[in-house]
Amino acid sequence: MNILMIEDDLDLGRGLVATLKVQSIGCQWIRRAADAPESFTELDCDCVLLDLSLPDGEGRDLLTRWRRNGVTVPVVIMTARSQLEERLAGLDGGADDFLVKPFAPAELISRLRAVTRRYAQQASEIWSLGPLEIEPAAHAVRLRGQPIDLTPREFAVLRELARTPGKVVSKEKLSKRLSPFGEPLDTAVIEVHIFNLRKKIGADLIHTVRGVGYMVVT
């Protein structure tokens, strides 16, 4: 999972980046509204953590603009404003969830997983893809009810493809997602993991779109 965080508080920002890193969640951190993207087309982002009070503007204005422009990426608002009216305004404005500061790291991680799961149209902690079941939190995979033994890297590749079933994920995007804190993986390494995955779960579940990337089909 890769997160865009827009938060001006240095201490909080550093703490959240460290918390996300422990959970192997990549985080791009910016501190001003002016640096926020207008479009997410080129940005590898599964969710946005958005502070409402930024030094050069309101986070809610960013959210309104994104939704007006058709941006569908899940957005979790962070704010010290605890009034019901503020929470309702944020949710009505297009936010997917709302966190009132201070909040526990475990709650943040849980909410991020929940909103990205809903965005991927997976209603529970077990993702069902035809005969395949993936349980991300437990790092478990079952094919027709039988456990499948995957290496950590194989599981990570399958999980990233399964986030958007039926949609192609490029090799370049996979390489970045699988190494959010270092150099992107060599695409040749990804090809080896795909080859091994196909042997374990069946070649018909992962399609290659030549010259583009891979896609999980259901």
N, C-alpha and C. Protein backbone atom coordinates (compact mmCIF):
# COMPACT_ATOMS: atom_id res chain seq x y z
N MET A 1 0.85 -1.19 0.00
CA MET A 1 0.00 0.00 0.00
C MET A 1 0.88 1.24 0.00
N ASN A 2 0.48 2.24 -0.76
CA ASN A 2 1.21 3.51 -0.82
C ASN A 2 0.26 4.65 -0.47
N ILE A 3 0.72 5.52 0.43
CA ILE A 3 -0.10 6.60 0.98
C ILE A 3 0.50 7.95 0.61
N LEU A 4 -0.35 8.90 0.26
CA LEU A 4 0.05 10.30 0.17
C LEU A 4 -0.44 10.98 1.44
N MET A 5 0.47 11.58 2.21
CA MET A 5 0.10 12.27 3.43
C MET A 5 0.35 13.77 3.27
N ILE A 6 -0.68 14.56 3.57
CA ILE A 6 -0.55 16.01 3.53
C ILE A 6 -0.77 16.51 4.96
N GLU A 7 0.32 16.84 5.62
CA GLU A 7 0.31 17.19 7.04
C GLU A 7 1.47 18.14 7.31
N ASP A 8 1.19 19.29 7.92
CA ASP A 8 2.25 20.29 8.13
C ASP A 8 3.02 20.11 9.43
N ASP A 9 2.48 19.39 10.40
CA ASP A 9 3.14 19.22 11.69
C ASP A 9 4.33 18.26 11.55
N LEU A 10 5.54 18.77 11.83
CA LEU A 10 6.75 17.98 11.62
C LEU A 10 6.80 16.75 12.53
N ASP A 11 6.52 16.93 13.80
CA ASP A 11 6.60 15.80 14.73
C ASP A 11 5.58 14.72 14.39
N LEU A 12 4.34 15.14 14.13
CA LEU A 12 3.31 14.18 13.78
C LEU A 12 3.63 13.49 12.46
N GLY A 13 4.07 14.27 11.50
CA GLY A 13 4.40 13.70 10.19
C GLY A 13 5.49 12.65 10.28
N ARG A 14 6.55 12.96 11.01
CA ARG A 14 7.64 11.99 11.16
C ARG A 14 7.17 10.74 11.88
N GLY A 15 6.34 10.92 12.91
CA GLY A 15 5.82 9.78 13.64
C GLY A 15 4.95 8.88 12.77
N LEU A 16 4.12 9.49 11.93
CA LEU A 16 3.23 8.71 11.06
C LEU A 16 4.03 7.97 9.99
N VAL A 17 5.04 8.64 9.43
CA VAL A 17 5.88 7.97 8.42
C VAL A 17 6.53 6.73 9.03
N ALA A 18 7.05 6.86 10.27
CA ALA A 18 7.68 5.73 10.95
C ALA A 18 6.67 4.62 11.22
N THR A 19 5.47 4.99 11.65
CA THR A 19 4.42 4.01 11.92
C THR A 19 4.05 3.24 10.65
N LEU A 20 3.89 3.96 9.55
CA LEU A 20 3.53 3.32 8.29
C LEU A 20 4.65 2.41 7.79
N LYS A 21 5.89 2.84 7.99
CA LYS A 21 7.03 2.03 7.52
C LYS A 21 7.07 0.69 8.22
N VAL A 22 6.77 0.67 9.52
CA VAL A 22 6.75 -0.59 10.27
C VAL A 22 5.74 -1.56 9.66
N GLN A 23 4.66 -1.02 9.11
CA GLN A 23 3.62 -1.84 8.49
C GLN A 23 3.87 -2.07 7.00
N SER A 24 5.08 -1.71 6.53
CA SER A 24 5.45 -1.84 5.10
C SER A 24 4.53 -1.05 4.19
N ILE A 25 4.09 0.10 4.67
CA ILE A 25 3.25 1.00 3.88
C ILE A 25 4.10 2.18 3.43
N GLY A 26 4.20 2.36 2.14
CA GLY A 26 4.97 3.48 1.61
C GLY A 26 4.23 4.79 1.83
N CYS A 27 4.98 5.86 2.04
CA CYS A 27 4.35 7.16 2.32
C CYS A 27 5.12 8.29 1.65
N GLN A 28 4.41 9.04 0.82
CA GLN A 28 4.93 10.29 0.28
C GLN A 28 4.34 11.41 1.11
N TRP A 29 5.19 12.22 1.72
CA TRP A 29 4.74 13.24 2.67
C TRP A 29 4.99 14.63 2.13
N ILE A 30 3.94 15.43 2.06
CA ILE A 30 4.07 16.83 1.70
C ILE A 30 3.39 17.66 2.79
N ARG A 31 3.77 18.96 2.88
CA ARG A 31 3.32 19.76 4.02
C ARG A 31 2.46 20.95 3.63
N ARG A 32 2.30 21.20 2.34
CA ARG A 32 1.53 22.37 1.92
C ARG A 32 0.48 21.98 0.89
N ALA A 33 -0.62 22.71 0.90
CA ALA A 33 -1.67 22.48 -0.10
C ALA A 33 -1.16 22.76 -1.50
N ALA A 34 -0.25 23.73 -1.61
CA ALA A 34 0.27 24.11 -2.92
C ALA A 34 1.05 22.98 -3.59
N ASP A 35 1.58 22.06 -2.79
CA ASP A 35 2.35 20.95 -3.33
C ASP A 35 1.50 19.72 -3.64
N ALA A 36 0.22 19.78 -3.32
CA ALA A 36 -0.67 18.63 -3.55
C ALA A 36 -0.94 18.46 -5.04
N PRO A 37 -1.06 17.23 -5.49
CA PRO A 37 -1.33 17.00 -6.92
C PRO A 37 -2.74 17.40 -7.30
N GLU A 38 -2.91 17.81 -8.53
CA GLU A 38 -4.24 18.08 -9.07
C GLU A 38 -4.87 16.80 -9.61
N SER A 39 -4.00 15.94 -10.13
CA SER A 39 -4.45 14.67 -10.70
C SER A 39 -3.62 13.55 -10.10
N PHE A 40 -4.20 12.37 -10.00
CA PHE A 40 -3.50 11.23 -9.44
C PHE A 40 -3.16 10.22 -10.54
N THR A 41 -3.21 10.66 -11.77
CA THR A 41 -2.97 9.75 -12.89
C THR A 41 -1.58 9.15 -12.84
N GLU A 42 -0.57 9.99 -12.54
CA GLU A 42 0.81 9.52 -12.54
C GLU A 42 1.31 9.18 -11.14
N LEU A 43 0.48 9.32 -10.15
CA LEU A 43 0.90 9.11 -8.76
C LEU A 43 0.45 7.73 -8.29
N ASP A 44 1.41 6.95 -7.78
CA ASP A 44 1.09 5.63 -7.25
C ASP A 44 0.58 5.78 -5.83
N CYS A 45 -0.73 5.84 -5.68
CA CYS A 45 -1.32 6.19 -4.38
C CYS A 45 -2.60 5.38 -4.16
N ASP A 46 -2.66 4.69 -3.02
CA ASP A 46 -3.85 3.91 -2.67
C ASP A 46 -4.81 4.69 -1.78
N CYS A 47 -4.29 5.69 -1.08
CA CYS A 47 -5.12 6.44 -0.14
C CYS A 47 -4.41 7.75 0.20
N VAL A 48 -5.20 8.77 0.58
CA VAL A 48 -4.65 10.05 1.01
C VAL A 48 -5.00 10.28 2.48
N LEU A 49 -3.99 10.65 3.26
CA LEU A 49 -4.19 11.13 4.63
C LEU A 49 -4.12 12.65 4.57
N LEU A 50 -5.20 13.32 4.87
CA LEU A 50 -5.30 14.75 4.62
C LEU A 50 -5.62 15.53 5.89
N ASP A 51 -4.73 16.44 6.27
CA ASP A 51 -4.98 17.33 7.39
C ASP A 51 -5.89 18.47 6.92
N LEU A 52 -6.86 18.84 7.74
CA LEU A 52 -7.76 19.91 7.34
C LEU A 52 -7.12 21.29 7.43
N SER A 53 -6.23 21.49 8.41
CA SER A 53 -5.64 22.82 8.64
C SER A 53 -4.21 22.85 8.14
N LEU A 54 -4.02 23.39 6.96
CA LEU A 54 -2.70 23.49 6.35
C LEU A 54 -2.24 24.94 6.37
N PRO A 55 -0.94 25.20 6.36
CA PRO A 55 -0.46 26.59 6.49
C PRO A 55 -0.85 27.50 5.34
N ASP A 56 -1.16 26.93 4.18
CA ASP A 56 -1.50 27.77 3.03
C ASP A 56 -2.89 27.48 2.49
N GLY A 57 -3.75 26.88 3.32
CA GLY A 57 -5.11 26.63 2.84
C GLY A 57 -5.81 25.55 3.64
N GLU A 58 -7.04 25.27 3.24
CA GLU A 58 -7.87 24.27 3.90
C GLU A 58 -7.80 22.95 3.15
N GLY A 59 -7.59 21.86 3.90
CA GLY A 59 -7.59 20.55 3.28
C GLY A 59 -8.91 20.23 2.62
N ARG A 60 -10.00 20.75 3.19
CA ARG A 60 -11.31 20.48 2.61
C ARG A 60 -11.43 21.07 1.19
N ASP A 61 -10.76 22.19 0.94
CA ASP A 61 -10.79 22.77 -0.40
C ASP A 61 -10.08 21.85 -1.41
N LEU A 62 -8.98 21.24 -0.96
CA LEU A 62 -8.30 20.26 -1.82
C LEU A 62 -9.22 19.10 -2.15
N LEU A 63 -9.87 18.58 -1.12
CA LEU A 63 -10.77 17.45 -1.30
C LEU A 63 -11.90 17.79 -2.26
N THR A 64 -12.48 18.96 -2.09
CA THR A 64 -13.57 19.39 -2.98
C THR A 64 -13.10 19.45 -4.43
N ARG A 65 -11.91 19.99 -4.63
CA ARG A 65 -11.37 20.11 -5.99
C ARG A 65 -11.09 18.75 -6.59
N TRP A 66 -10.52 17.85 -5.79
CA TRP A 66 -10.25 16.50 -6.31
C TRP A 66 -11.54 15.81 -6.73
N ARG A 67 -12.55 15.83 -5.88
CA ARG A 67 -13.78 15.14 -6.21
C ARG A 67 -14.47 15.78 -7.42
N ARG A 68 -14.38 17.10 -7.53
CA ARG A 68 -14.95 17.78 -8.69
C ARG A 68 -14.26 17.35 -9.98
N ASN A 69 -12.96 17.06 -9.86
CA ASN A 69 -12.18 16.65 -11.04
C ASN A 69 -12.23 15.15 -11.29
N GLY A 70 -13.05 14.45 -10.52
CA GLY A 70 -13.24 13.01 -10.76
C GLY A 70 -12.24 12.11 -10.07
N VAL A 71 -11.45 12.64 -9.13
CA VAL A 71 -10.50 11.82 -8.40
C VAL A 71 -11.26 10.92 -7.41
N THR A 72 -11.03 9.61 -7.50
CA THR A 72 -11.78 8.66 -6.67
C THR A 72 -10.93 8.02 -5.58
N VAL A 73 -9.66 8.37 -5.49
CA VAL A 73 -8.77 7.79 -4.48
C VAL A 73 -9.37 8.02 -3.08
N PRO A 74 -9.38 7.00 -2.22
CA PRO A 74 -9.91 7.18 -0.87
C PRO A 74 -9.16 8.26 -0.10
N VAL A 75 -9.88 9.05 0.68
CA VAL A 75 -9.28 10.12 1.47
C VAL A 75 -9.72 9.98 2.93
N VAL A 76 -8.74 9.93 3.82
CA VAL A 76 -9.00 9.92 5.26
C VAL A 76 -8.56 11.27 5.82
N ILE A 77 -9.49 11.99 6.39
CA ILE A 77 -9.20 13.31 6.96
C ILE A 77 -8.63 13.17 8.37
N MET A 78 -7.59 13.95 8.66
CA MET A 78 -7.04 14.05 10.01
C MET A 78 -7.23 15.49 10.49
N THR A 79 -7.73 15.64 11.71
CA THR A 79 -7.93 17.00 12.23
C THR A 79 -8.04 16.98 13.75
N ALA A 80 -7.72 18.12 14.34
CA ALA A 80 -7.92 18.29 15.78
C ALA A 80 -9.33 18.79 16.09
N ARG A 81 -10.09 19.11 15.04
CA ARG A 81 -11.46 19.60 15.22
C ARG A 81 -12.39 18.41 15.45
N SER A 82 -12.97 18.35 16.63
CA SER A 82 -13.76 17.18 16.99
C SER A 82 -15.27 17.40 16.90
N GLN A 83 -15.69 18.61 16.54
CA GLN A 83 -17.12 18.88 16.49
C GLN A 83 -17.81 18.02 15.43
N LEU A 84 -19.02 17.60 15.75
CA LEU A 84 -19.80 16.77 14.83
C LEU A 84 -19.97 17.45 13.48
N GLU A 85 -20.20 18.77 13.50
CA GLU A 85 -20.42 19.50 12.24
C GLU A 85 -19.20 19.40 11.32
N GLU A 86 -18.00 19.44 11.92
CA GLU A 86 -16.79 19.34 11.12
C GLU A 86 -16.68 17.96 10.48
N ARG A 87 -16.98 16.92 11.26
CA ARG A 87 -16.89 15.57 10.72
C ARG A 87 -17.90 15.35 9.61
N LEU A 88 -19.10 15.83 9.81
CA LEU A 88 -20.14 15.67 8.79
C LEU A 88 -19.78 16.43 7.52
N ALA A 89 -19.23 17.63 7.69
CA ALA A 89 -18.86 18.43 6.52
C ALA A 89 -17.77 17.73 5.72
N GLY A 90 -16.82 17.12 6.42
CA GLY A 90 -15.76 16.39 5.72
C GLY A 90 -16.28 15.19 4.98
N LEU A 91 -17.14 14.41 5.62
CA LEU A 91 -17.70 13.22 4.99
C LEU A 91 -18.61 13.60 3.83
N ASP A 92 -19.43 14.63 4.02
CA ASP A 92 -20.31 15.09 2.95
C ASP A 92 -19.52 15.67 1.78
N GLY A 93 -18.32 16.17 2.08
CA GLY A 93 -17.48 16.75 1.03
C GLY A 93 -16.70 15.74 0.23
N GLY A 94 -16.82 14.46 0.57
CA GLY A 94 -16.18 13.42 -0.23
C GLY A 94 -15.14 12.59 0.50
N ALA A 95 -14.93 12.85 1.80
CA ALA A 95 -13.98 12.04 2.56
C ALA A 95 -14.55 10.64 2.79
N ASP A 96 -13.66 9.67 2.92
CA ASP A 96 -14.08 8.29 3.16
C ASP A 96 -14.05 7.93 4.63
N ASP A 97 -13.28 8.67 5.41
CA ASP A 97 -13.22 8.42 6.84
C ASP A 97 -12.64 9.65 7.52
N PHE A 98 -12.67 9.64 8.86
CA PHE A 98 -12.33 10.84 9.63
C PHE A 98 -11.61 10.40 10.90
N LEU A 99 -10.42 10.95 11.15
CA LEU A 99 -9.67 10.66 12.37
C LEU A 99 -9.46 11.95 13.15
N VAL A 100 -9.84 11.93 14.42
CA VAL A 100 -9.65 13.10 15.28
C VAL A 100 -8.33 12.94 16.05
N LYS A 101 -7.47 13.94 15.95
CA LYS A 101 -6.19 13.92 16.67
C LYS A 101 -6.44 14.18 18.16
N PRO A 102 -5.66 13.53 19.02
CA PRO A 102 -4.68 12.48 18.73
C PRO A 102 -5.36 11.13 18.54
N PHE A 103 -4.77 10.27 17.74
CA PHE A 103 -5.33 8.95 17.52
C PHE A 103 -4.23 7.90 17.67
N ALA A 104 -4.63 6.69 17.96
CA ALA A 104 -3.68 5.59 18.15
C ALA A 104 -3.19 5.09 16.79
N PRO A 105 -1.90 4.75 16.68
CA PRO A 105 -1.39 4.22 15.41
C PRO A 105 -2.18 3.02 14.91
N ALA A 106 -2.59 2.14 15.83
CA ALA A 106 -3.34 0.95 15.42
C ALA A 106 -4.66 1.33 14.76
N GLU A 107 -5.30 2.40 15.24
CA GLU A 107 -6.56 2.84 14.64
C GLU A 107 -6.32 3.38 13.24
N LEU A 108 -5.24 4.13 13.07
CA LEU A 108 -4.90 4.66 11.75
C LEU A 108 -4.72 3.52 10.75
N ILE A 109 -3.92 2.52 11.11
CA ILE A 109 -3.67 1.41 10.19
C ILE A 109 -4.96 0.68 9.86
N SER A 110 -5.80 0.46 10.88
CA SER A 110 -7.06 -0.24 10.66
C SER A 110 -7.96 0.52 9.69
N ARG A 111 -8.03 1.82 9.87
CA ARG A 111 -8.90 2.62 9.00
C ARG A 111 -8.36 2.69 7.57
N LEU A 112 -7.04 2.77 7.43
CA LEU A 112 -6.45 2.76 6.09
C LEU A 112 -6.79 1.45 5.37
N ARG A 113 -6.65 0.36 6.07
CA ARG A 113 -6.96 -0.93 5.46
C ARG A 113 -8.43 -1.03 5.10
N ALA A 114 -9.29 -0.48 5.96
CA ALA A 114 -10.73 -0.55 5.71
C ALA A 114 -11.12 0.25 4.47
N VAL A 115 -10.62 1.48 4.34
CA VAL A 115 -11.04 2.31 3.20
C VAL A 115 -10.46 1.79 1.90
N THR A 116 -9.22 1.27 1.94
CA THR A 116 -8.65 0.72 0.70
C THR A 116 -9.33 -0.59 0.32
N ARG A 117 -9.78 -1.34 1.33
CA ARG A 117 -10.52 -2.57 1.06
C ARG A 117 -11.86 -2.25 0.40
N ARG A 118 -12.54 -1.24 0.90
CA ARG A 118 -13.81 -0.85 0.29
C ARG A 118 -13.60 -0.34 -1.13
N TYR A 119 -12.52 0.41 -1.32
CA TYR A 119 -12.23 0.95 -2.66
C TYR A 119 -11.98 -0.19 -3.65
N ALA A 120 -11.35 -1.26 -3.15
CA ALA A 120 -11.09 -2.42 -4.01
C ALA A 120 -12.31 -3.34 -4.12
N GLN A 121 -13.44 -2.90 -3.52
CA GLN A 121 -14.69 -3.64 -3.56
C GLN A 121 -14.57 -5.00 -2.88
N GLN A 122 -13.76 -5.03 -1.81
CA GLN A 122 -13.64 -6.23 -0.99
C GLN A 122 -14.28 -5.91 0.36
N ALA A 123 -15.37 -6.59 0.68
CA ALA A 123 -16.16 -6.22 1.85
C ALA A 123 -15.60 -6.74 3.16
N SER A 124 -14.68 -7.68 3.11
CA SER A 124 -14.17 -8.25 4.35
C SER A 124 -12.66 -8.36 4.30
N GLU A 125 -12.09 -8.92 5.37
CA GLU A 125 -10.64 -9.11 5.44
C GLU A 125 -10.19 -10.26 4.56
N ILE A 126 -11.12 -11.02 4.03
CA ILE A 126 -10.79 -12.10 3.10
C ILE A 126 -11.22 -11.67 1.70
N TRP A 127 -10.26 -11.58 0.79
CA TRP A 127 -10.57 -11.17 -0.58
C TRP A 127 -10.90 -12.42 -1.39
N SER A 128 -12.04 -12.43 -2.02
CA SER A 128 -12.46 -13.57 -2.84
C SER A 128 -12.31 -13.23 -4.31
N LEU A 129 -11.50 -14.01 -5.01
CA LEU A 129 -11.25 -13.81 -6.43
C LEU A 129 -11.46 -15.14 -7.13
N GLY A 130 -12.72 -15.42 -7.46
CA GLY A 130 -13.03 -16.71 -8.04
C GLY A 130 -12.68 -17.82 -7.06
N PRO A 131 -11.86 -18.79 -7.47
CA PRO A 131 -11.50 -19.90 -6.58
C PRO A 131 -10.42 -19.53 -5.56
N LEU A 132 -9.94 -18.31 -5.66
CA LEU A 132 -8.81 -17.88 -4.82
C LEU A 132 -9.30 -17.01 -3.67
N GLU A 133 -8.77 -17.28 -2.47
CA GLU A 133 -9.04 -16.45 -1.30
C GLU A 133 -7.72 -15.91 -0.76
N ILE A 134 -7.68 -14.60 -0.51
CA ILE A 134 -6.48 -13.97 0.03
C ILE A 134 -6.85 -13.28 1.33
N GLU A 135 -6.08 -13.53 2.36
CA GLU A 135 -6.29 -12.92 3.66
C GLU A 135 -5.05 -12.06 3.96
N PRO A 136 -5.07 -10.78 3.55
CA PRO A 136 -3.86 -9.95 3.65
C PRO A 136 -3.28 -9.86 5.06
N ALA A 137 -4.13 -9.65 6.07
CA ALA A 137 -3.61 -9.46 7.42
C ALA A 137 -2.90 -10.71 7.95
N ALA A 138 -3.34 -11.88 7.50
CA ALA A 138 -2.75 -13.13 7.96
C ALA A 138 -1.71 -13.68 6.98
N HIS A 139 -1.51 -12.99 5.86
CA HIS A 139 -0.60 -13.45 4.81
C HIS A 139 -0.95 -14.89 4.39
N ALA A 140 -2.25 -15.13 4.21
CA ALA A 140 -2.72 -16.47 3.87
C ALA A 140 -3.40 -16.47 2.51
N VAL A 141 -3.20 -17.56 1.77
CA VAL A 141 -3.82 -17.73 0.46
C VAL A 141 -4.38 -19.14 0.39
N ARG A 142 -5.60 -19.25 -0.12
CA ARG A 142 -6.22 -20.55 -0.31
C ARG A 142 -6.78 -20.66 -1.72
N LEU A 143 -6.58 -21.80 -2.33
CA LEU A 143 -7.11 -22.07 -3.66
C LEU A 143 -8.10 -23.22 -3.53
N ARG A 144 -9.38 -22.92 -3.82
CA ARG A 144 -10.46 -23.90 -3.65
C ARG A 144 -10.43 -24.49 -2.23
N GLY A 145 -10.16 -23.63 -1.26
CA GLY A 145 -10.17 -24.04 0.14
C GLY A 145 -8.88 -24.63 0.65
N GLN A 146 -7.92 -24.90 -0.24
CA GLN A 146 -6.67 -25.52 0.18
C GLN A 146 -5.58 -24.45 0.34
N PRO A 147 -4.84 -24.46 1.48
CA PRO A 147 -3.79 -23.47 1.68
C PRO A 147 -2.69 -23.58 0.62
N ILE A 148 -2.20 -22.43 0.20
CA ILE A 148 -1.12 -22.37 -0.78
C ILE A 148 0.10 -21.74 -0.09
N ASP A 149 1.23 -22.40 -0.19
CA ASP A 149 2.45 -21.92 0.46
C ASP A 149 3.18 -20.97 -0.49
N LEU A 150 3.16 -19.67 -0.14
CA LEU A 150 3.86 -18.66 -0.94
C LEU A 150 4.99 -18.04 -0.14
N THR A 151 6.04 -17.66 -0.82
CA THR A 151 7.09 -16.89 -0.17
C THR A 151 6.55 -15.49 0.13
N PRO A 152 7.17 -14.75 1.06
CA PRO A 152 6.71 -13.39 1.34
C PRO A 152 6.65 -12.51 0.09
N ARG A 153 7.63 -12.63 -0.79
CA ARG A 153 7.63 -11.80 -2.01
C ARG A 153 6.54 -12.24 -2.97
N GLU A 154 6.32 -13.54 -3.11
CA GLU A 154 5.24 -14.02 -3.97
C GLU A 154 3.89 -13.52 -3.46
N PHE A 155 3.72 -13.59 -2.14
CA PHE A 155 2.47 -13.10 -1.56
C PHE A 155 2.29 -11.62 -1.83
N ALA A 156 3.36 -10.84 -1.71
CA ALA A 156 3.28 -9.40 -1.94
C ALA A 156 2.89 -9.10 -3.38
N VAL A 157 3.45 -9.84 -4.33
CA VAL A 157 3.09 -9.64 -5.75
C VAL A 157 1.61 -9.94 -5.96
N LEU A 158 1.15 -11.08 -5.45
CA LEU A 158 -0.25 -11.47 -5.61
C LEU A 158 -1.18 -10.44 -4.95
N ARG A 159 -0.82 -9.99 -3.76
CA ARG A 159 -1.65 -9.00 -3.05
C ARG A 159 -1.80 -7.72 -3.86
N GLU A 160 -0.70 -7.24 -4.43
CA GLU A 160 -0.77 -5.99 -5.19
C GLU A 160 -1.60 -6.15 -6.45
N LEU A 161 -1.51 -7.29 -7.12
CA LEU A 161 -2.35 -7.53 -8.30
C LEU A 161 -3.82 -7.65 -7.90
N ALA A 162 -4.06 -8.27 -6.74
CA ALA A 162 -5.44 -8.53 -6.31
C ALA A 162 -6.14 -7.27 -5.81
N ARG A 163 -5.40 -6.21 -5.55
CA ARG A 163 -6.05 -4.96 -5.11
C ARG A 163 -7.00 -4.44 -6.17
N THR A 164 -6.66 -4.66 -7.43
CA THR A 164 -7.49 -4.16 -8.53
C THR A 164 -7.74 -5.29 -9.52
N PRO A 165 -8.55 -6.28 -9.15
CA PRO A 165 -8.81 -7.41 -10.05
C PRO A 165 -9.45 -6.95 -11.35
N GLY A 166 -8.99 -7.56 -12.43
CA GLY A 166 -9.52 -7.19 -13.74
C GLY A 166 -8.86 -5.98 -14.36
N LYS A 167 -7.90 -5.38 -13.65
CA LYS A 167 -7.18 -4.22 -14.18
C LYS A 167 -5.69 -4.52 -14.27
N VAL A 168 -5.08 -4.02 -15.31
CA VAL A 168 -3.66 -4.30 -15.54
C VAL A 168 -2.81 -3.44 -14.60
N VAL A 169 -1.81 -4.09 -13.99
CA VAL A 169 -0.83 -3.39 -13.18
C VAL A 169 0.50 -3.50 -13.91
N SER A 170 1.10 -2.36 -14.22
CA SER A 170 2.34 -2.37 -14.98
C SER A 170 3.48 -2.94 -14.16
N LYS A 171 4.51 -3.44 -14.84
CA LYS A 171 5.69 -3.95 -14.15
C LYS A 171 6.36 -2.85 -13.35
N GLU A 172 6.36 -1.64 -13.90
CA GLU A 172 7.01 -0.52 -13.22
C GLU A 172 6.29 -0.19 -11.91
N LYS A 173 4.95 -0.19 -11.95
CA LYS A 173 4.19 0.10 -10.74
C LYS A 173 4.40 -1.00 -9.70
N LEU A 174 4.41 -2.25 -10.15
CA LEU A 174 4.65 -3.36 -9.23
C LEU A 174 6.02 -3.23 -8.57
N SER A 175 7.02 -2.88 -9.35
CA SER A 175 8.38 -2.79 -8.80
C SER A 175 8.48 -1.72 -7.73
N LYS A 176 7.74 -0.61 -7.88
CA LYS A 176 7.76 0.45 -6.89
C LYS A 176 6.97 0.04 -5.65
N ARG A 177 5.83 -0.60 -5.85
CA ARG A 177 4.98 -0.99 -4.72
C ARG A 177 5.67 -2.04 -3.85
N LEU A 178 6.47 -2.89 -4.45
CA LEU A 178 7.11 -3.98 -3.71
C LEU A 178 8.38 -3.53 -2.99
N SER A 179 8.82 -2.32 -3.26
CA SER A 179 10.00 -1.80 -2.58
C SER A 179 9.80 -0.32 -2.29
N PRO A 180 8.83 0.02 -1.42
CA PRO A 180 8.46 1.43 -1.21
C PRO A 180 9.53 2.26 -0.53
N PHE A 181 10.53 1.62 0.10
CA PHE A 181 11.53 2.38 0.85
C PHE A 181 12.93 2.27 0.25
N GLY A 182 13.03 1.71 -0.93
CA GLY A 182 14.34 1.57 -1.56
C GLY A 182 14.23 1.64 -3.06
N GLU A 183 15.26 1.15 -3.73
CA GLU A 183 15.25 1.12 -5.18
C GLU A 183 14.19 0.15 -5.68
N PRO A 184 13.44 0.54 -6.73
CA PRO A 184 12.44 -0.38 -7.29
C PRO A 184 13.07 -1.70 -7.69
N LEU A 185 12.32 -2.79 -7.54
CA LEU A 185 12.83 -4.10 -7.93
C LEU A 185 13.04 -4.17 -9.44
N ASP A 186 14.03 -4.93 -9.83
CA ASP A 186 14.25 -5.18 -11.25
C ASP A 186 13.04 -5.93 -11.79
N THR A 187 12.56 -5.53 -12.96
CA THR A 187 11.37 -6.17 -13.53
C THR A 187 11.61 -7.64 -13.83
N ALA A 188 12.87 -8.02 -14.05
CA ALA A 188 13.18 -9.44 -14.29
C ALA A 188 12.89 -10.26 -13.05
N VAL A 189 13.10 -9.68 -11.87
CA VAL A 189 12.79 -10.37 -10.62
C VAL A 189 11.29 -10.59 -10.50
N ILE A 190 10.52 -9.58 -10.89
CA ILE A 190 9.06 -9.70 -10.85
C ILE A 190 8.60 -10.82 -11.77
N GLU A 191 9.21 -10.92 -12.94
CA GLU A 191 8.84 -11.98 -13.89
C GLU A 191 9.05 -13.37 -13.27
N VAL A 192 10.13 -13.52 -12.50
CA VAL A 192 10.39 -14.80 -11.83
C VAL A 192 9.30 -15.10 -10.80
N HIS A 193 8.91 -14.09 -10.03
CA HIS A 193 7.85 -14.31 -9.03
C HIS A 193 6.52 -14.64 -9.70
N ILE A 194 6.21 -13.99 -10.79
CA ILE A 194 4.98 -14.28 -11.53
C ILE A 194 5.00 -15.73 -12.03
N PHE A 195 6.14 -16.15 -12.55
CA PHE A 195 6.29 -17.53 -13.04
C PHE A 195 6.03 -18.52 -11.91
N ASN A 196 6.61 -18.26 -10.73
CA ASN A 196 6.42 -19.16 -9.59
C ASN A 196 4.98 -19.15 -9.08
N LEU A 197 4.37 -17.96 -9.08
CA LEU A 197 2.97 -17.86 -8.66
C LEU A 197 2.06 -18.69 -9.56
N ARG A 198 2.30 -18.61 -10.85
CA ARG A 198 1.46 -19.37 -11.79
C ARG A 198 1.57 -20.86 -11.56
N LYS A 199 2.75 -21.32 -11.19
CA LYS A 199 2.91 -22.75 -10.91
C LYS A 199 2.12 -23.16 -9.68
N LYS A 200 1.96 -22.24 -8.72
CA LYS A 200 1.32 -22.58 -7.46
C LYS A 200 -0.19 -22.38 -7.46
N ILE A 201 -0.67 -21.33 -8.18
CA ILE A 201 -2.11 -21.05 -8.13
C ILE A 201 -2.80 -21.28 -9.47
N GLY A 202 -2.00 -21.58 -10.50
CA GLY A 202 -2.59 -21.82 -11.82
C GLY A 202 -2.33 -20.67 -12.78
N ALA A 203 -1.95 -21.01 -13.99
CA ALA A 203 -1.59 -20.00 -14.98
C ALA A 203 -2.78 -19.18 -15.43
N ASP A 204 -4.02 -19.72 -15.26
CA ASP A 204 -5.19 -19.04 -15.78
C ASP A 204 -5.65 -17.87 -14.91
N LEU A 205 -5.10 -17.73 -13.70
CA LEU A 205 -5.55 -16.67 -12.80
C LEU A 205 -4.76 -15.36 -12.97
N ILE A 206 -3.57 -15.45 -13.54
CA ILE A 206 -2.76 -14.25 -13.77
C ILE A 206 -2.47 -14.14 -15.26
N HIS A 207 -3.00 -13.11 -15.89
CA HIS A 207 -2.79 -12.88 -17.32
C HIS A 207 -1.68 -11.87 -17.55
N THR A 208 -0.93 -12.09 -18.60
CA THR A 208 0.08 -11.13 -19.03
C THR A 208 -0.50 -10.28 -20.15
N VAL A 209 -0.42 -8.98 -20.00
CA VAL A 209 -0.78 -8.07 -21.09
C VAL A 209 0.55 -7.61 -21.69
N ARG A 210 0.87 -8.17 -22.82
CA ARG A 210 2.21 -8.02 -23.39
C ARG A 210 2.60 -6.54 -23.53
N GLY A 211 3.78 -6.23 -23.03
CA GLY A 211 4.30 -4.87 -23.13
C GLY A 211 3.76 -3.92 -22.11
N VAL A 212 2.83 -4.41 -21.23
CA VAL A 212 2.22 -3.53 -20.24
C VAL A 212 2.46 -4.05 -18.83
N GLY A 213 1.88 -5.23 -18.50
CA GLY A 213 2.02 -5.75 -17.16
C GLY A 213 1.19 -6.99 -16.93
N TYR A 214 0.61 -7.12 -15.74
CA TYR A 214 -0.12 -8.31 -15.35
C TYR A 214 -1.48 -7.96 -14.77
N MET A 215 -2.38 -8.95 -14.80
CA MET A 215 -3.73 -8.73 -14.33
C MET A 215 -4.26 -10.02 -13.71
N VAL A 216 -4.90 -9.91 -12.54
CA VAL A 216 -5.58 -11.03 -11.93
C VAL A 216 -7.01 -11.08 -12.46
N VAL A 217 -7.42 -12.24 -12.91
CA VAL A 217 -8.79 -12.41 -13.43
C VAL A 217 -9.55 -13.31 -12.49
N THR A 218 -10.88 -13.13 -12.46
CA THR A 218 -11.71 -13.93 -11.56
C THR A 218 -12.67 -14.80 -12.35
